[in-house]
C-alpha atoms as a PDB file:
ATOM      1  CA  MET A   1      57.563  14.777  87.002  1.00  0.00           C
ATOM      2  CA  ALA A   2      61.020  13.645  86.058  1.00  0.00           C
ATOM      3  CA  ILE A   3      61.450  15.149  82.743  1.00  0.00           C
ATOM      4  CA  PHE A   4      60.477  18.492  84.226  1.00  0.00           C
ATOM      5  CA  ARG A   5      62.638  18.168  86.862  1.00  0.00           C
ATOM      6  CA  ARG A   6      65.429  17.167  84.122  1.00  0.00           C
ATOM      7  CA  TYR A   7      64.540  20.225  82.175  1.00  0.00           C
ATOM      8  CA  GLY A   8      64.015  22.866  85.161  1.00  0.00           C
ATOM      9  CA  VAL A   9      67.594  21.904  86.908  1.00  0.00           C
ATOM     10  CA  GLY A  10      69.262  21.528  83.308  1.00  0.00           C
ATOM     11  CA  ALA A  11      67.764  24.931  81.614  1.00  0.00           C
ATOM     12  CA  LYS A  12      70.541  27.150  82.449  1.00  0.00           C
ATOM     13  CA  PHE A  13      72.660  24.834  80.673  1.00  0.00           C
ATOM     14  CA  TYR A  14      70.989  23.290  78.254  1.00  0.00           C
ATOM     15  CA  ASP A  15      72.367  25.403  74.988  1.00  0.00           C
ATOM     16  CA  VAL A  16      75.778  24.497  76.252  1.00  0.00           C
ATOM     17  CA  LEU A  17      75.363  20.708  77.393  1.00  0.00           C
ATOM     18  CA  SER A  18      72.303  19.840  74.495  1.00  0.00           C
ATOM     19  CA  GLY A  19      75.683  19.200  71.679  1.00  0.00           C
ATOM     20  CA  GLU A  20      73.292  21.979  69.650  1.00  0.00           C
ATOM     21  CA  ARG A  21      77.065  23.539  67.741  1.00  0.00           C
ATOM     22  CA  PHE A  22      78.203  20.514  66.817  1.00  0.00           C
ATOM     23  CA  VAL A  23      75.750  18.073  66.142  1.00  0.00           C
ATOM     24  CA  TYR A  24      71.670  19.653  66.782  1.00  0.00           C
ATOM     25  CA  ARG A  25      71.809  23.026  64.903  1.00  0.00           C
ATOM     26  CA  ALA A  26      72.281  21.561  61.536  1.00  0.00           C
ATOM     27  CA  GLY A  27      69.019  19.296  62.318  1.00  0.00           C
ATOM     28  CA  ARG A  28      67.149  23.058  63.284  1.00  0.00           C
ATOM     29  CA  VAL A  29      68.280  24.488  59.892  1.00  0.00           C
ATOM     30  CA  ALA A  30      67.259  21.618  57.910  1.00  0.00           C
ATOM     31  CA  GLY A  31      64.049  21.578  59.694  1.00  0.00           C
ATOM     32  CA  ILE A  32      62.693  25.260  59.227  1.00  0.00           C
ATOM     33  CA  ARG A  33      64.618  25.113  55.407  1.00  0.00           C
ATOM     34  CA  ALA A  34      61.979  22.082  55.146  1.00  0.00           C
ATOM     35  CA  LEU A  35      59.261  23.696  56.422  1.00  0.00           C
ATOM     36  CA  ALA A  36      59.462  27.281  54.572  1.00  0.00           C
ATOM     37  CA  PRO A  37      57.775  30.041  56.496  1.00  0.00           C
ATOM     38  CA  ALA A  38      56.641  32.925  54.239  1.00  0.00           C
ATOM     39  CA  ARG A  39      57.324  36.795  55.168  1.00  0.00           C
ATOM     40  CA  GLY A  40      54.239  37.194  57.369  1.00  0.00           C
ATOM     41  CA  ASP A  41      53.257  34.384  58.867  1.00  0.00           C
ATOM     42  CA  VAL A  42      52.360  32.628  62.605  1.00  0.00           C
ATOM     43  CA  VAL A  43      54.586  29.846  63.467  1.00  0.00           C
ATOM     44  CA  LEU A  44      54.278  27.671  66.123  1.00  0.00           C
ATOM     45  CA  ASP A  45      57.247  26.139  67.992  1.00  0.00           C
ATOM     46  CA  LEU A  46      56.157  23.619  69.947  1.00  0.00           C
ATOM     47  CA  GLY A  47      58.048  22.616  72.960  1.00  0.00           C
ATOM     48  CA  CYS A  48      60.632  25.480  72.268  1.00  0.00           C
ATOM     49  CA  GLY A  49      62.607  25.153  74.795  1.00  0.00           C
ATOM     50  CA  THR A  50      65.176  28.018  75.925  1.00  0.00           C
ATOM     51  CA  GLY A  51      64.546  29.435  72.108  1.00  0.00           C
ATOM     52  CA  LEU A  52      67.459  28.133  70.091  1.00  0.00           C
ATOM     53  CA  ASN A  53      64.894  27.997  66.731  1.00  0.00           C
ATOM     54  CA  PHE A  54      63.858  31.440  67.513  1.00  0.00           C
ATOM     55  CA  SER A  55      66.567  33.395  65.482  1.00  0.00           C
ATOM     56  CA  LEU A  56      65.680  31.565  62.060  1.00  0.00           C
ATOM     57  CA  LEU A  57      62.125  31.433  62.546  1.00  0.00           C
ATOM     58  CA  VAL A  58      62.294  35.823  62.589  1.00  0.00           C
ATOM     59  CA  ASP A  59      64.659  36.127  60.101  1.00  0.00           C
ATOM     60  CA  ALA A  60      61.824  33.849  57.691  1.00  0.00           C
ATOM     61  CA  VAL A  61      58.453  35.452  59.075  1.00  0.00           C
ATOM     62  CA  GLY A  62      59.841  38.691  59.171  1.00  0.00           C
ATOM     63  CA  PRO A  63      58.586  42.048  61.415  1.00  0.00           C
ATOM     64  CA  GLU A  64      55.094  41.363  59.787  1.00  0.00           C
ATOM     65  CA  GLY A  65      55.296  38.202  60.743  1.00  0.00           C
ATOM     66  CA  ALA A  66      55.229  36.103  64.477  1.00  0.00           C
ATOM     67  CA  VAL A  67      56.639  33.531  66.236  1.00  0.00           C
ATOM     68  CA  ILE A  68      55.202  31.718  68.903  1.00  0.00           C
ATOM     69  CA  GLY A  69      56.880  29.245  71.627  1.00  0.00           C
ATOM     70  CA  LEU A  70      54.692  26.564  74.182  1.00  0.00           C
ATOM     71  CA  ASP A  71      56.901  24.843  76.453  1.00  0.00           C
ATOM     72  CA  ALA A  72      56.126  23.019  79.779  1.00  0.00           C
ATOM     73  CA  SER A  73      59.053  23.884  81.920  1.00  0.00           C
ATOM     74  CA  PRO A  74      58.752  27.222  83.097  1.00  0.00           C
ATOM     75  CA  ASP A  75      62.583  27.071  83.934  1.00  0.00           C
ATOM     76  CA  MET A  76      63.359  26.650  80.266  1.00  0.00           C
ATOM     77  CA  LEU A  77      60.633  29.529  79.134  1.00  0.00           C
ATOM     78  CA  ALA A  78      62.874  31.758  81.439  1.00  0.00           C
ATOM     79  CA  MET A  79      65.900  31.489  79.414  1.00  0.00           C
ATOM     80  CA  ALA A  80      63.701  31.557  76.018  1.00  0.00           C
ATOM     81  CA  ARG A  81      62.257  35.224  77.438  1.00  0.00           C
ATOM     82  CA  ALA A  82      65.605  36.162  78.211  1.00  0.00           C
ATOM     83  CA  ARG A  83      66.816  35.041  75.056  1.00  0.00           C
ATOM     84  CA  ILE A  84      63.948  37.395  73.360  1.00  0.00           C
ATOM     85  CA  ASP A  85      64.818  40.527  75.573  1.00  0.00           C
ATOM     86  CA  ARG A  86      68.090  40.463  74.569  1.00  0.00           C
ATOM     87  CA  ALA A  87      67.453  40.345  71.119  1.00  0.00           C
ATOM     88  CA  GLY A  88      64.797  42.838  71.236  1.00  0.00           C
ATOM     89  CA  TRP A  89      62.029  40.881  69.576  1.00  0.00           C
ATOM     90  CA  ARG A  90      58.727  42.032  69.736  1.00  0.00           C
ATOM     91  CA  ASN A  91      57.340  39.613  67.692  1.00  0.00           C
ATOM     92  CA  VAL A  92      57.971  36.907  69.549  1.00  0.00           C
ATOM     93  CA  ALA A  93      55.815  35.538  72.176  1.00  0.00           C
ATOM     94  CA  VAL A  94      55.897  32.652  74.635  1.00  0.00           C
ATOM     95  CA  ALA A  95      53.860  30.551  77.383  1.00  0.00           C
ATOM     96  CA  VAL A  96      53.281  27.824  79.300  1.00  0.00           C
ATOM     97  CA  ALA A  97      51.954  24.681  78.041  1.00  0.00           C
ATOM     98  CA  ASP A  98      51.733  20.637  77.649  1.00  0.00           C
ATOM     99  CA  ALA A  99      51.438  19.843  74.265  1.00  0.00           C
ATOM    100  CA  THR A 100      49.813  17.084  74.859  1.00  0.00           C
ATOM    101  CA  ALA A 101      46.843  18.999  75.662  1.00  0.00           C
ATOM    102  CA  PHE A 102      46.932  22.598  75.493  1.00  0.00           C
ATOM    103  CA  ASP A 103      44.254  24.512  74.474  1.00  0.00           C
ATOM    104  CA  PRO A 104      44.180  26.235  71.525  1.00  0.00           C
ATOM    105  CA  ASP A 105      43.689  29.846  73.009  1.00  0.00           C
ATOM    106  CA  VAL A 106      47.370  29.591  74.683  1.00  0.00           C
ATOM    107  CA  VAL A 107      48.237  29.956  71.357  1.00  0.00           C
ATOM    108  CA  ALA A 108      45.601  32.427  70.584  1.00  0.00           C
ATOM    109  CA  HIS A 109      46.382  35.251  74.080  1.00  0.00           C
ATOM    110  CA  ALA A 110      50.061  34.486  73.055  1.00  0.00           C
ATOM    111  CA  LEU A 111      49.963  35.822  69.665  1.00  0.00           C
ATOM    112  CA  GLU A 112      47.683  39.036  70.983  1.00  0.00           C
ATOM    113  CA  GLY A 113      51.234  39.583  72.899  1.00  0.00           C
ATOM    114  CA  ALA A 114      53.290  39.017  69.614  1.00  0.00           C
ATOM    115  CA  HIS A 115      53.581  42.825  67.915  1.00  0.00           C
ATOM    116  CA  ARG A 116      53.709  41.982  64.570  1.00  0.00           C
ATOM    117  CA  SER A 117      54.462  45.243  61.903  1.00  0.00           C
ATOM    118  CA  ARG A 118      51.012  44.964  59.942  1.00  0.00           C
ATOM    119  CA  VAL A 119      48.583  42.204  58.949  1.00  0.00           C
ATOM    120  CA  ARG A 120      49.555  40.488  55.728  1.00  0.00           C
ATOM    121  CA  PRO A 121      47.264  42.071  52.889  1.00  0.00           C
ATOM    122  CA  ASP A 122      46.260  38.495  51.533  1.00  0.00           C
ATOM    123  CA  ASP A 123      45.217  37.526  55.350  1.00  0.00           C
ATOM    124  CA  ASP A 124      41.743  35.718  54.811  1.00  0.00           C
ATOM    125  CA  PRO A 125      39.606  34.482  57.053  1.00  0.00           C
ATOM    126  CA  ALA A 126      38.177  32.627  55.061  1.00  0.00           C
ATOM    127  CA  THR A 127      41.518  30.695  55.219  1.00  0.00           C
ATOM    128  CA  THR A 128      42.863  31.467  58.772  1.00  0.00           C
ATOM    129  CA  PRO A 129      39.851  30.398  60.775  1.00  0.00           C
ATOM    130  CA  PRO A 130      40.196  33.003  63.996  1.00  0.00           C
ATOM    131  CA  ASP A 131      40.581  29.526  66.530  1.00  0.00           C
ATOM    132  CA  ARG A 132      43.378  28.208  63.509  1.00  0.00           C
ATOM    133  CA  PRO A 133      45.889  30.842  63.378  1.00  0.00           C
ATOM    134  CA  VAL A 134      48.600  29.092  62.733  1.00  0.00           C
ATOM    135  CA  ASP A 135      50.250  29.176  59.289  1.00  0.00           C
ATOM    136  CA  GLY A 136      53.040  26.868  60.645  1.00  0.00           C
ATOM    137  CA  VAL A 137      54.392  24.378  63.549  1.00  0.00           C
ATOM    138  CA  ILE A 138      57.819  23.041  64.023  1.00  0.00           C
ATOM    139  CA  SER A 139      58.582  20.954  66.534  1.00  0.00           C
ATOM    140  CA  THR A 140      62.589  20.045  66.739  1.00  0.00           C
ATOM    141  CA  TYR A 141      63.974  17.134  69.561  1.00  0.00           C
ATOM    142  CA  ALA A 142      60.788  17.063  71.160  1.00  0.00           C
ATOM    143  CA  MET A 143      57.879  14.457  70.325  1.00  0.00           C
ATOM    144  CA  SER A 144      60.455  12.059  70.892  1.00  0.00           C
ATOM    145  CA  ILE A 145      60.525  13.360  74.693  1.00  0.00           C
ATOM    146  CA  PHE A 146      56.331  14.026  74.997  1.00  0.00           C
ATOM    147  CA  GLY A 147      54.900  11.264  76.799  1.00  0.00           C
ATOM    148  CA  ASP A 148      51.921  10.378  74.524  1.00  0.00           C
ATOM    149  CA  TRP A 149      53.380  12.495  71.267  1.00  0.00           C
ATOM    150  CA  PRO A 150      50.358  11.513  69.005  1.00  0.00           C
ATOM    151  CA  ALA A 151      48.507  13.588  71.326  1.00  0.00           C
ATOM    152  CA  ALA A 152      50.447  16.658  71.209  1.00  0.00           C
ATOM    153  CA  TRP A 153      50.075  16.285  66.907  1.00  0.00           C
ATOM    154  CA  THR A 154      46.730  16.065  67.550  1.00  0.00           C
ATOM    155  CA  ARG A 155      47.301  19.387  69.072  1.00  0.00           C
ATOM    156  CA  VAL A 156      48.586  20.729  66.387  1.00  0.00           C
ATOM    157  CA  ARG A 157      46.207  19.917  63.948  1.00  0.00           C
ATOM    158  CA  ALA A 158      43.973  21.792  66.270  1.00  0.00           C
ATOM    159  CA  VAL A 159      45.753  25.347  65.449  1.00  0.00           C
ATOM    160  CA  LEU A 160      46.814  24.426  61.913  1.00  0.00           C
ATOM    161  CA  ARG A 161      45.395  26.356  59.347  1.00  0.00           C
ATOM    162  CA  PRO A 162      43.978  24.245  56.701  1.00  0.00           C
ATOM    163  CA  GLY A 163      47.085  23.864  54.061  1.00  0.00           C
ATOM    164  CA  GLY A 164      49.296  25.037  56.485  1.00  0.00           C
ATOM    165  CA  SER A 165      52.433  23.408  57.376  1.00  0.00           C
ATOM    166  CA  ALA A 166      54.167  21.194  59.664  1.00  0.00           C
ATOM    167  CA  ALA A 167      57.693  20.231  60.265  1.00  0.00           C
ATOM    168  CA  ILE A 168      59.129  17.701  63.357  1.00  0.00           C
ATOM    169  CA  VAL A 169      62.655  16.994  63.496  1.00  0.00           C
ATOM    170  CA  ASP A 170      63.502  14.134  65.984  1.00  0.00           C
ATOM    171  CA  MET A 171      66.318  11.444  66.767  1.00  0.00           C
ATOM    172  CA  HIS A 172      66.631   7.587  65.881  1.00  0.00           C
ATOM    173  CA  VAL A 173      69.873   5.495  66.273  1.00  0.00           C
ATOM    174  CA  PRO A 174      72.019   6.130  63.224  1.00  0.00           C
ATOM    175  CA  VAL A 175      72.670   4.265  60.837  1.00  0.00           C
ATOM    176  CA  GLY A 176      75.897   3.057  57.703  1.00  0.00           C
ATOM    177  CA  ARG A 177      79.257   4.170  58.745  1.00  0.00           C
ATOM    178  CA  ALA A 178      77.538   6.346  61.661  1.00  0.00           C
ATOM    179  CA  ALA A 179      76.132   3.366  63.640  1.00  0.00           C
ATOM    180  CA  VAL A 180      79.252   3.570  65.230  1.00  0.00           C
ATOM    181  CA  PHE A 181      77.792   6.673  66.836  1.00  0.00           C
ATOM    182  CA  GLY A 182      75.045   5.233  68.197  1.00  0.00           C
ATOM    183  CA  PRO A 183      76.290   4.487  71.483  1.00  0.00           C
ATOM    184  CA  LEU A 184      76.713   8.183  72.072  1.00  0.00           C
ATOM    185  CA  ALA A 185      73.325   9.120  70.254  1.00  0.00           C
ATOM    186  CA  ARG A 186      71.825   6.718  73.259  1.00  0.00           C
ATOM    187  CA  LEU A 187      73.468   8.417  75.768  1.00  0.00           C
ATOM    188  CA  ALA A 188      72.305  11.657  74.731  1.00  0.00           C
ATOM    189  CA  ALA A 189      68.532  10.328  74.317  1.00  0.00           C
ATOM    190  CA  ALA A 190      68.713   8.729  77.712  1.00  0.00           C
ATOM    191  CA  THR A 191      70.024  12.171  79.238  1.00  0.00           C
ATOM    192  CA  GLY A 192      67.458  14.167  77.386  1.00  0.00           C
ATOM    193  CA  GLY A 193      64.857  11.763  78.088  1.00  0.00           C
ATOM    194  CA  ALA A 194      64.106  10.762  74.467  1.00  0.00           C
ATOM    195  CA  ASP A 195      62.357   7.900  72.955  1.00  0.00           C
ATOM    196  CA  LEU A 196      64.807   6.746  69.673  1.00  0.00           C
ATOM    197  CA  THR A 197      61.967   4.299  68.986  1.00  0.00           C
ATOM    198  CA  ALA A 198      59.278   6.819  68.462  1.00  0.00           C
ATOM    199  CA  ARG A 199      59.062   7.893  65.113  1.00  0.00           C
ATOM    200  CA  PRO A 200      56.916  10.899  65.526  1.00  0.00           C
ATOM    201  CA  TRP A 201      57.959  12.567  61.706  1.00  0.00           C
ATOM    202  CA  GLU A 202      55.434   9.147  60.582  1.00  0.00           C
ATOM    203  CA  ALA A 203      52.506  11.634  61.583  1.00  0.00           C
ATOM    204  CA  VAL A 204      53.544  14.187  58.951  1.00  0.00           C
ATOM    205  CA  GLU A 205      54.402  11.918  56.228  1.00  0.00           C
ATOM    206  CA  ARG A 206      51.230   9.841  56.569  1.00  0.00           C
ATOM    207  CA  ASP A 207      49.244  13.163  56.911  1.00  0.00           C
ATOM    208  CA  GLY A 208      50.842  15.859  54.633  1.00  0.00           C
ATOM    209  CA  VAL A 209      51.103  15.976  51.407  1.00  0.00           C
ATOM    210  CA  ASN A 210      54.388  17.276  49.138  1.00  0.00           C
ATOM    211  CA  VAL A 211      55.992  15.688  52.008  1.00  0.00           C
ATOM    212  CA  ARG A 212      59.642  17.043  52.235  1.00  0.00           C
ATOM    213  CA  SER A 213      62.406  14.251  53.575  1.00  0.00           C
ATOM    214  CA  VAL A 214      65.820  14.874  54.824  1.00  0.00           C
ATOM    215  CA  SER A 215      68.532  13.347  57.056  1.00  0.00           C
ATOM    216  CA  VAL A 216      70.994  14.441  59.018  1.00  0.00           C
ATOM    217  CA  ARG A 217      74.434  13.500  60.506  1.00  0.00           C
ATOM    218  CA  GLY A 218      74.361   9.347  59.579  1.00  0.00           C
ATOM    219  CA  GLY A 219      70.175   9.312  59.813  1.00  0.00           C
ATOM    220  CA  HIS A 220      70.847  10.603  63.936  1.00  0.00           C
ATOM    221  CA  ILE A 221      68.880  13.443  62.850  1.00  0.00           C
ATOM    222  CA  GLN A 222      65.569  12.654  61.289  1.00  0.00           C
ATOM    223  CA  VAL A 223      63.795  15.933  59.318  1.00  0.00           C
ATOM    224  CA  ARG A 224      59.910  16.124  57.856  1.00  0.00           C
ATOM    225  CA  ALA A 225      57.994  19.073  56.489  1.00  0.00           C
ATOM    226  CA  ALA A 226      55.286  18.513  54.662  1.00  0.00           C
ATOM    227  CA  VAL A 227      51.402  20.780  53.972  1.00  0.00           C
ATOM    228  CA  ILE A 228      48.552  19.504  55.966  1.00  0.00           C
ATOM    229  CA  PRO A 229      45.559  19.469  54.475  1.00  0.00           C
END
């Protein structure tokens, strides 16, 4: 598929060319802050790419927790694994998977490879079923790229424990005074294969409670996080 070729050939240059430093980092920070993972949590990073969320997530969950990254591009995950090795994170694991169709076992197997320092004393099988081991899910700038983001949301619901949290960070056309940057936003979206009309954060608004909403960079970056019953 064209999208896989895009994120294969460009994987080595993604971090430099993606506008991360000046534009999109702010959305990651806002999204993880809104998700509010706790120490000891298991967080799934759906469409993790090269692992740009990992350092923020590892800081939040601590050595007691774990971060699992899923992405459909082996080339992007090669960069993510290199990031993990450089940082020496033992509680971060990644796996190749299609976000719209992955089996929950993929997450469970990846979690086995993430060496948490201990199991939290409050881990309760009654609230964390073995087939739904994830406390939090975040997807940053990925849902709008998926051909069928509602299917990806269904997969998220299948691995997230009851009462877990989810956050979606994605792109929209800038509004207000920032509308002047609309052509640049459309160019960035076209380059990455994103659909600026997708509005995947509406799934969080629809299915979640205690919804937290943040708008960044003149509305270009939309953040929604909520508890998912």
